[in-house]
């Protein structure tokens, strides 16, 4: 009987979605911090302009001028990306929270939202949503 119970728990664990596994919140926070750092670099090079989408952190979707050094301030300006680490260049997992749901990015409010364990932003499970200020 005990062997059956152990097998059943293992079978249940392997079929659970990632939203119920330990570490999903940590992964969301780690990915959000990577995105925050990338947005900060993007904004410092673009004169404070927010990237329109998260994809703008990988490719020059906004048509910014090529990266150049300002002779007076010695600061970089223009498109100096990619701003997301090259490890993610052919992978879109960096745009997903720890629950496997796409982050909701708002350039208008400068926020990044994880819909949390229930994978629905707002609504009944709003208490499990995370909002990161970029």
C-alpha atoms as a PDB file:
ATOM      1  CA  UNK A   1       0.000   0.000   0.000  1.00  0.00           C
ATOM      2  CA  UNK A   2       2.787   2.419   0.844  1.00  0.00           C
ATOM      3  CA  UNK A   3       4.497   1.786  -2.488  1.00  0.00           C
ATOM      4  CA  UNK A   4       1.262   2.618  -4.287  1.00  0.00           C
ATOM      5  CA  UNK A   5       0.931   5.872  -2.324  1.00  0.00           C
ATOM      6  CA  UNK A   6       4.503   6.865  -3.201  1.00  0.00           C
ATOM      7  CA  UNK A   7       3.945   6.073  -6.856  1.00  0.00           C
ATOM      8  CA  UNK A   8       0.699   8.033  -6.834  1.00  0.00           C
ATOM      9  CA  UNK A   9       2.370  11.103  -5.350  1.00  0.00           C
ATOM     10  CA  UNK A  10       5.171  10.896  -7.912  1.00  0.00           C
ATOM     11  CA  UNK A  11       2.657  10.549 -10.727  1.00  0.00           C
ATOM     12  CA  UNK A  12       0.690  13.524  -9.449  1.00  0.00           C
ATOM     13  CA  UNK A  13       3.862  15.641  -9.105  1.00  0.00           C
ATOM     14  CA  UNK A  14       4.998  14.971 -12.645  1.00  0.00           C
ATOM     15  CA  UNK A  15       1.598  15.885 -14.073  1.00  0.00           C
ATOM     16  CA  UNK A  16       1.204  19.127 -12.141  1.00  0.00           C
ATOM     17  CA  UNK A  17       1.555  22.261 -14.183  1.00  0.00           C
ATOM     18  CA  UNK A  18       4.560  24.488 -13.417  1.00  0.00           C
ATOM     19  CA  UNK A  19       2.237  26.881 -11.583  1.00  0.00           C
ATOM     20  CA  UNK A  20       2.066  24.525  -8.638  1.00  0.00           C
ATOM     21  CA  UNK A  21       5.764  23.770  -8.370  1.00  0.00           C
ATOM     22  CA  UNK A  22       8.071  25.392  -5.873  1.00  0.00           C
ATOM     23  CA  UNK A  23      10.220  28.181  -7.262  1.00  0.00           C
ATOM     24  CA  UNK A  24       7.762  29.705  -9.737  1.00  0.00           C
ATOM     25  CA  UNK A  25       7.660  32.989  -7.823  1.00  0.00           C
ATOM     26  CA  UNK A  26      11.467  33.051  -7.607  1.00  0.00           C
ATOM     27  CA  UNK A  27      11.755  32.451 -11.344  1.00  0.00           C
ATOM     28  CA  UNK A  28       9.255  35.250 -12.024  1.00  0.00           C
ATOM     29  CA  UNK A  29      11.287  37.636  -9.870  1.00  0.00           C
ATOM     30  CA  UNK A  30      14.578  36.634 -11.512  1.00  0.00           C
ATOM     31  CA  UNK A  31      13.221  37.080 -15.024  1.00  0.00           C
ATOM     32  CA  UNK A  32      11.623  40.404 -14.053  1.00  0.00           C
ATOM     33  CA  UNK A  33      14.979  41.633 -12.727  1.00  0.00           C
ATOM     34  CA  UNK A  34      16.674  40.652 -16.023  1.00  0.00           C
ATOM     35  CA  UNK A  35      14.009  42.567 -17.959  1.00  0.00           C
ATOM     36  CA  UNK A  36      14.263  45.554 -15.593  1.00  0.00           C
ATOM     37  CA  UNK A  37      18.030  45.778 -16.127  1.00  0.00           C
ATOM     38  CA  UNK A  38      17.562  45.532 -19.902  1.00  0.00           C
ATOM     39  CA  UNK A  39      14.880  48.256 -19.909  1.00  0.00           C
ATOM     40  CA  UNK A  40      17.131  50.502 -17.795  1.00  0.00           C
ATOM     41  CA  UNK A  41      19.994  50.146 -20.298  1.00  0.00           C
ATOM     42  CA  UNK A  42      17.631  50.672 -23.251  1.00  0.00           C
ATOM     43  CA  UNK A  43      16.246  53.864 -21.700  1.00  0.00           C
ATOM     44  CA  UNK A  44      19.696  55.215 -20.872  1.00  0.00           C
ATOM     45  CA  UNK A  45      20.683  54.828 -24.537  1.00  0.00           C
ATOM     46  CA  UNK A  46      17.425  56.097 -26.040  1.00  0.00           C
ATOM     47  CA  UNK A  47      17.119  59.376 -24.158  1.00  0.00           C
ATOM     48  CA  UNK A  48      14.623  58.022 -21.638  1.00  0.00           C
ATOM     49  CA  UNK A  49      12.229  56.505 -24.188  1.00  0.00           C
ATOM     50  CA  UNK A  50      10.556  53.292 -23.059  1.00  0.00           C
ATOM     51  CA  UNK A  51      10.767  50.246 -25.346  1.00  0.00           C
ATOM     52  CA  UNK A  52       7.389  49.851 -27.023  1.00  0.00           C
ATOM     53  CA  UNK A  53       7.400  46.078 -26.559  1.00  0.00           C
ATOM     54  CA  UNK A  54       9.686  43.597 -24.852  1.00  0.00           C
ATOM     55  CA  UNK A  55      10.864  42.499 -28.295  1.00  0.00           C
ATOM     56  CA  UNK A  56      12.490  45.924 -28.637  1.00  0.00           C
ATOM     57  CA  UNK A  57      15.037  44.700 -26.094  1.00  0.00           C
ATOM     58  CA  UNK A  58      16.282  42.100 -28.587  1.00  0.00           C
ATOM     59  CA  UNK A  59      15.948  43.882 -31.917  1.00  0.00           C
ATOM     60  CA  UNK A  60      15.794  47.520 -32.964  1.00  0.00           C
ATOM     61  CA  UNK A  61      12.045  47.582 -33.580  1.00  0.00           C
ATOM     62  CA  UNK A  62      11.804  51.325 -32.852  1.00  0.00           C
ATOM     63  CA  UNK A  63      14.235  52.292 -35.601  1.00  0.00           C
ATOM     64  CA  UNK A  64      16.679  54.010 -33.229  1.00  0.00           C
ATOM     65  CA  UNK A  65      19.898  55.346 -34.727  1.00  0.00           C
ATOM     66  CA  UNK A  66      22.952  53.106 -34.557  1.00  0.00           C
ATOM     67  CA  UNK A  67      24.863  53.085 -31.295  1.00  0.00           C
ATOM     68  CA  UNK A  68      27.268  56.010 -30.956  1.00  0.00           C
ATOM     69  CA  UNK A  69      29.240  57.758 -28.229  1.00  0.00           C
ATOM     70  CA  UNK A  70      28.354  61.374 -27.508  1.00  0.00           C
ATOM     71  CA  UNK A  71      31.667  63.265 -27.783  1.00  0.00           C
ATOM     72  CA  UNK A  72      30.704  65.732 -25.064  1.00  0.00           C
ATOM     73  CA  UNK A  73      29.120  63.495 -22.429  1.00  0.00           C
ATOM     74  CA  UNK A  74      30.891  60.271 -23.434  1.00  0.00           C
ATOM     75  CA  UNK A  75      27.542  58.517 -23.035  1.00  0.00           C
ATOM     76  CA  UNK A  76      26.201  55.894 -25.404  1.00  0.00           C
ATOM     77  CA  UNK A  77      23.148  56.759 -27.458  1.00  0.00           C
ATOM     78  CA  UNK A  78      20.935  55.041 -30.010  1.00  0.00           C
ATOM     79  CA  UNK A  79      20.441  51.309 -30.426  1.00  0.00           C
ATOM     80  CA  UNK A  80      23.241  49.609 -28.461  1.00  0.00           C
ATOM     81  CA  UNK A  81      21.475  46.294 -28.004  1.00  0.00           C
ATOM     82  CA  UNK A  82      20.571  43.596 -27.792  1.00  0.00           C
ATOM     83  CA  UNK A  83      19.752  44.412 -24.210  1.00  0.00           C
ATOM     84  CA  UNK A  84      18.671  40.904 -23.299  1.00  0.00           C
ATOM     85  CA  UNK A  85      21.563  38.526 -22.691  1.00  0.00           C
ATOM     86  CA  UNK A  86      22.610  36.591 -25.773  1.00  0.00           C
ATOM     87  CA  UNK A  87      21.685  33.380 -23.979  1.00  0.00           C
ATOM     88  CA  UNK A  88      18.045  34.309 -24.669  1.00  0.00           C
ATOM     89  CA  UNK A  89      18.445  35.471 -28.269  1.00  0.00           C
ATOM     90  CA  UNK A  90      16.819  32.390 -29.800  1.00  0.00           C
ATOM     91  CA  UNK A  91      14.540  31.702 -26.871  1.00  0.00           C
ATOM     92  CA  UNK A  92      11.411  33.515 -25.725  1.00  0.00           C
ATOM     93  CA  UNK A  93      11.315  32.027 -22.219  1.00  0.00           C
ATOM     94  CA  UNK A  94      12.667  35.297 -20.793  1.00  0.00           C
ATOM     95  CA  UNK A  95       9.268  36.881 -21.599  1.00  0.00           C
ATOM     96  CA  UNK A  96       7.429  34.259 -19.498  1.00  0.00           C
ATOM     97  CA  UNK A  97       6.898  34.395 -15.776  1.00  0.00           C
ATOM     98  CA  UNK A  98       7.663  31.409 -13.572  1.00  0.00           C
ATOM     99  CA  UNK A  99       4.200  30.017 -14.261  1.00  0.00           C
ATOM    100  CA  UNK A 100       4.701  29.872 -18.027  1.00  0.00           C
ATOM    101  CA  UNK A 101       2.482  32.880 -18.785  1.00  0.00           C
ATOM    102  CA  UNK A 102       3.699  35.879 -20.788  1.00  0.00           C
ATOM    103  CA  UNK A 103       4.545  38.922 -18.692  1.00  0.00           C
ATOM    104  CA  UNK A 104       2.213  41.863 -19.297  1.00  0.00           C
ATOM    105  CA  UNK A 105       4.449  44.828 -20.129  1.00  0.00           C
ATOM    106  CA  UNK A 106       3.233  48.420 -20.099  1.00  0.00           C
ATOM    107  CA  UNK A 107       5.543  51.106 -21.435  1.00  0.00           C
ATOM    108  CA  UNK A 108       2.986  53.725 -20.378  1.00  0.00           C
ATOM    109  CA  UNK A 109       3.174  52.891 -16.686  1.00  0.00           C
ATOM    110  CA  UNK A 110       6.643  51.352 -16.744  1.00  0.00           C
ATOM    111  CA  UNK A 111       5.446  48.098 -15.239  1.00  0.00           C
ATOM    112  CA  UNK A 112       5.782  44.396 -15.810  1.00  0.00           C
ATOM    113  CA  UNK A 113       3.067  42.115 -14.478  1.00  0.00           C
ATOM    114  CA  UNK A 114       3.024  38.407 -13.712  1.00  0.00           C
ATOM    115  CA  UNK A 115      -0.489  36.983 -13.622  1.00  0.00           C
ATOM    116  CA  UNK A 116       0.580  34.606 -10.867  1.00  0.00           C
ATOM    117  CA  UNK A 117      -0.355  31.080 -10.040  1.00  0.00           C
ATOM    118  CA  UNK A 118      -3.857  31.222 -11.534  1.00  0.00           C
ATOM    119  CA  UNK A 119      -2.409  32.617 -14.811  1.00  0.00           C
ATOM    120  CA  UNK A 120      -5.149  35.269 -15.016  1.00  0.00           C
ATOM    121  CA  UNK A 121      -4.319  38.928 -14.475  1.00  0.00           C
ATOM    122  CA  UNK A 122      -6.827  40.606 -12.211  1.00  0.00           C
ATOM    123  CA  UNK A 123     -10.107  38.878 -11.496  1.00  0.00           C
ATOM    124  CA  UNK A 124     -10.706  36.534  -8.583  1.00  0.00           C
ATOM    125  CA  UNK A 125      -7.080  35.542  -8.129  1.00  0.00           C
ATOM    126  CA  UNK A 126      -5.684  39.068  -8.303  1.00  0.00           C
ATOM    127  CA  UNK A 127      -4.002  38.579  -4.937  1.00  0.00           C
ATOM    128  CA  UNK A 128      -1.480  36.243  -6.584  1.00  0.00           C
ATOM    129  CA  UNK A 129      -0.546  38.755  -9.321  1.00  0.00           C
ATOM    130  CA  UNK A 130       2.840  40.458  -9.131  1.00  0.00           C
ATOM    131  CA  UNK A 131       3.565  43.925 -10.516  1.00  0.00           C
ATOM    132  CA  UNK A 132       7.177  44.983 -10.957  1.00  0.00           C
ATOM    133  CA  UNK A 133       8.035  48.650 -11.399  1.00  0.00           C
ATOM    134  CA  UNK A 134      10.624  49.124 -14.094  1.00  0.00           C
END
